[in-house]
C-alpha atoms as a PDB file:
ATOM      1  CA  UNK A   1       3.502 -13.350 -10.091  1.00  0.00           C
ATOM      2  CA  UNK A   2      -0.442 -12.469  -9.891  1.00  0.00           C
ATOM      3  CA  UNK A   3      -0.596 -12.566 -13.577  1.00  0.00           C
ATOM      4  CA  UNK A   4      -0.681 -15.947 -13.428  1.00  0.00           C
ATOM      5  CA  UNK A   5      -3.923 -15.868 -10.854  1.00  0.00           C
ATOM      6  CA  UNK A   6      -5.631 -12.392 -11.743  1.00  0.00           C
ATOM      7  CA  UNK A   7      -7.653 -11.875 -15.138  1.00  0.00           C
ATOM      8  CA  UNK A   8     -10.051  -9.068 -16.813  1.00  0.00           C
ATOM      9  CA  UNK A   9     -12.658 -10.339 -19.135  1.00  0.00           C
ATOM     10  CA  UNK A  10     -15.619  -7.784 -20.268  1.00  0.00           C
ATOM     11  CA  UNK A  11     -17.890 -11.002 -19.646  1.00  0.00           C
ATOM     12  CA  UNK A  12     -17.210 -11.703 -16.009  1.00  0.00           C
ATOM     13  CA  UNK A  13     -18.324  -8.754 -13.520  1.00  0.00           C
ATOM     14  CA  UNK A  14     -18.200  -6.076 -16.370  1.00  0.00           C
ATOM     15  CA  UNK A  15     -14.094  -6.359 -16.880  1.00  0.00           C
ATOM     16  CA  UNK A  16     -13.377  -6.022 -13.454  1.00  0.00           C
ATOM     17  CA  UNK A  17     -10.288  -7.882 -12.191  1.00  0.00           C
ATOM     18  CA  UNK A  18     -11.165 -11.500 -10.456  1.00  0.00           C
ATOM     19  CA  UNK A  19      -9.540 -14.535  -9.764  1.00  0.00           C
ATOM     20  CA  UNK A  20      -9.235 -16.783 -12.262  1.00  0.00           C
ATOM     21  CA  UNK A  21     -11.759 -19.453 -12.632  1.00  0.00           C
ATOM     22  CA  UNK A  22     -14.168 -17.412 -10.177  1.00  0.00           C
ATOM     23  CA  UNK A  23     -16.344 -14.284 -10.175  1.00  0.00           C
ATOM     24  CA  UNK A  24     -14.748 -12.929  -7.381  1.00  0.00           C
ATOM     25  CA  UNK A  25     -13.212  -9.589  -7.703  1.00  0.00           C
ATOM     26  CA  UNK A  26      -9.802  -8.679  -6.645  1.00  0.00           C
ATOM     27  CA  UNK A  27     -11.382  -5.423  -4.769  1.00  0.00           C
ATOM     28  CA  UNK A  28     -13.857  -7.912  -2.484  1.00  0.00           C
ATOM     29  CA  UNK A  29     -10.964 -10.125  -1.641  1.00  0.00           C
ATOM     30  CA  UNK A  30      -8.535  -6.806  -0.670  1.00  0.00           C
ATOM     31  CA  UNK A  31     -12.019  -5.550   0.918  1.00  0.00           C
ATOM     32  CA  UNK A  32     -12.602  -8.498   3.058  1.00  0.00           C
ATOM     33  CA  UNK A  33      -8.927  -8.037   4.311  1.00  0.00           C
ATOM     34  CA  UNK A  34      -9.267  -4.328   4.925  1.00  0.00           C
ATOM     35  CA  UNK A  35     -12.149  -5.520   7.299  1.00  0.00           C
ATOM     36  CA  UNK A  36     -10.216  -7.570   9.126  1.00  0.00           C
ATOM     37  CA  UNK A  37     -11.142 -10.954   8.018  1.00  0.00           C
ATOM     38  CA  UNK A  38      -7.977 -13.391   8.168  1.00  0.00           C
ATOM     39  CA  UNK A  39      -6.701 -14.987   5.286  1.00  0.00           C
ATOM     40  CA  UNK A  40      -8.100 -18.410   7.030  1.00  0.00           C
ATOM     41  CA  UNK A  41     -11.642 -17.155   7.219  1.00  0.00           C
ATOM     42  CA  UNK A  42     -11.605 -16.202   3.484  1.00  0.00           C
ATOM     43  CA  UNK A  43     -10.216 -19.654   2.294  1.00  0.00           C
ATOM     44  CA  UNK A  44     -12.908 -21.174   4.678  1.00  0.00           C
ATOM     45  CA  UNK A  45     -15.873 -19.205   2.655  1.00  0.00           C
ATOM     46  CA  UNK A  46     -14.381 -19.055  -0.668  1.00  0.00           C
ATOM     47  CA  UNK A  47     -12.998 -22.788  -1.140  1.00  0.00           C
ATOM     48  CA  UNK A  48     -12.197 -22.149  -4.608  1.00  0.00           C
ATOM     49  CA  UNK A  49      -9.555 -19.775  -3.659  1.00  0.00           C
ATOM     50  CA  UNK A  50      -5.925 -20.367  -2.717  1.00  0.00           C
ATOM     51  CA  UNK A  51      -3.749 -18.801  -0.793  1.00  0.00           C
ATOM     52  CA  UNK A  52      -1.676 -17.692  -3.380  1.00  0.00           C
ATOM     53  CA  UNK A  53      -4.725 -16.367  -4.997  1.00  0.00           C
ATOM     54  CA  UNK A  54      -5.252 -14.297  -1.697  1.00  0.00           C
ATOM     55  CA  UNK A  55      -1.695 -13.088  -1.892  1.00  0.00           C
ATOM     56  CA  UNK A  56      -2.068 -12.330  -5.878  1.00  0.00           C
ATOM     57  CA  UNK A  57      -4.905  -9.889  -4.882  1.00  0.00           C
ATOM     58  CA  UNK A  58      -2.957  -7.875  -2.781  1.00  0.00           C
ATOM     59  CA  UNK A  59       0.122  -8.113  -5.058  1.00  0.00           C
ATOM     60  CA  UNK A  60      -2.248  -6.784  -7.922  1.00  0.00           C
ATOM     61  CA  UNK A  61      -3.758  -3.996  -5.785  1.00  0.00           C
ATOM     62  CA  UNK A  62       0.138  -2.826  -4.651  1.00  0.00           C
ATOM     63  CA  UNK A  63       1.353  -3.085  -8.320  1.00  0.00           C
ATOM     64  CA  UNK A  64      -1.899  -1.086  -9.568  1.00  0.00           C
ATOM     65  CA  UNK A  65      -1.439   1.940  -6.771  1.00  0.00           C
ATOM     66  CA  UNK A  66       2.570   2.144  -7.361  1.00  0.00           C
ATOM     67  CA  UNK A  67       1.709   3.127 -10.827  1.00  0.00           C
ATOM     68  CA  UNK A  68      -0.815   4.982 -10.054  1.00  0.00           C
ATOM     69  CA  UNK A  69      -0.235   9.185 -10.809  1.00  0.00           C
ATOM     70  CA  UNK A  70      -1.902  11.686  -9.190  1.00  0.00           C
ATOM     71  CA  UNK A  71      -2.233  15.247 -10.857  1.00  0.00           C
ATOM     72  CA  UNK A  72      -3.125  18.393  -9.057  1.00  0.00           C
ATOM     73  CA  UNK A  73      -5.975  20.510 -10.357  1.00  0.00           C
ATOM     74  CA  UNK A  74      -5.741  23.946 -10.747  1.00  0.00           C
ATOM     75  CA  UNK A  75      -7.864  25.499  -7.972  1.00  0.00           C
ATOM     76  CA  UNK A  76     -10.051  28.778  -9.126  1.00  0.00           C
ATOM     77  CA  UNK A  77      -9.499  31.093  -6.469  1.00  0.00           C
ATOM     78  CA  UNK A  78     -11.509  33.965  -8.453  1.00  0.00           C
ATOM     79  CA  UNK A  79     -14.992  34.716  -7.426  1.00  0.00           C
END
């Protein structure tokens, strides 16, 4: 469960979700993966992380997107 590995704290990165015990933001880890980094590369460059931490970042992102709601805005077509 990502809740065991991800935390928000207003004192750390302005409250952005981070991997517990680090200053590594979830969005940073997800962005590295989106850029094509392999999990092994991330773990090598950031030895404080575990494979479970990277998985928790992805699960957090997935859960956040699932709960997102988008509402269409009314478009004013008048001039």
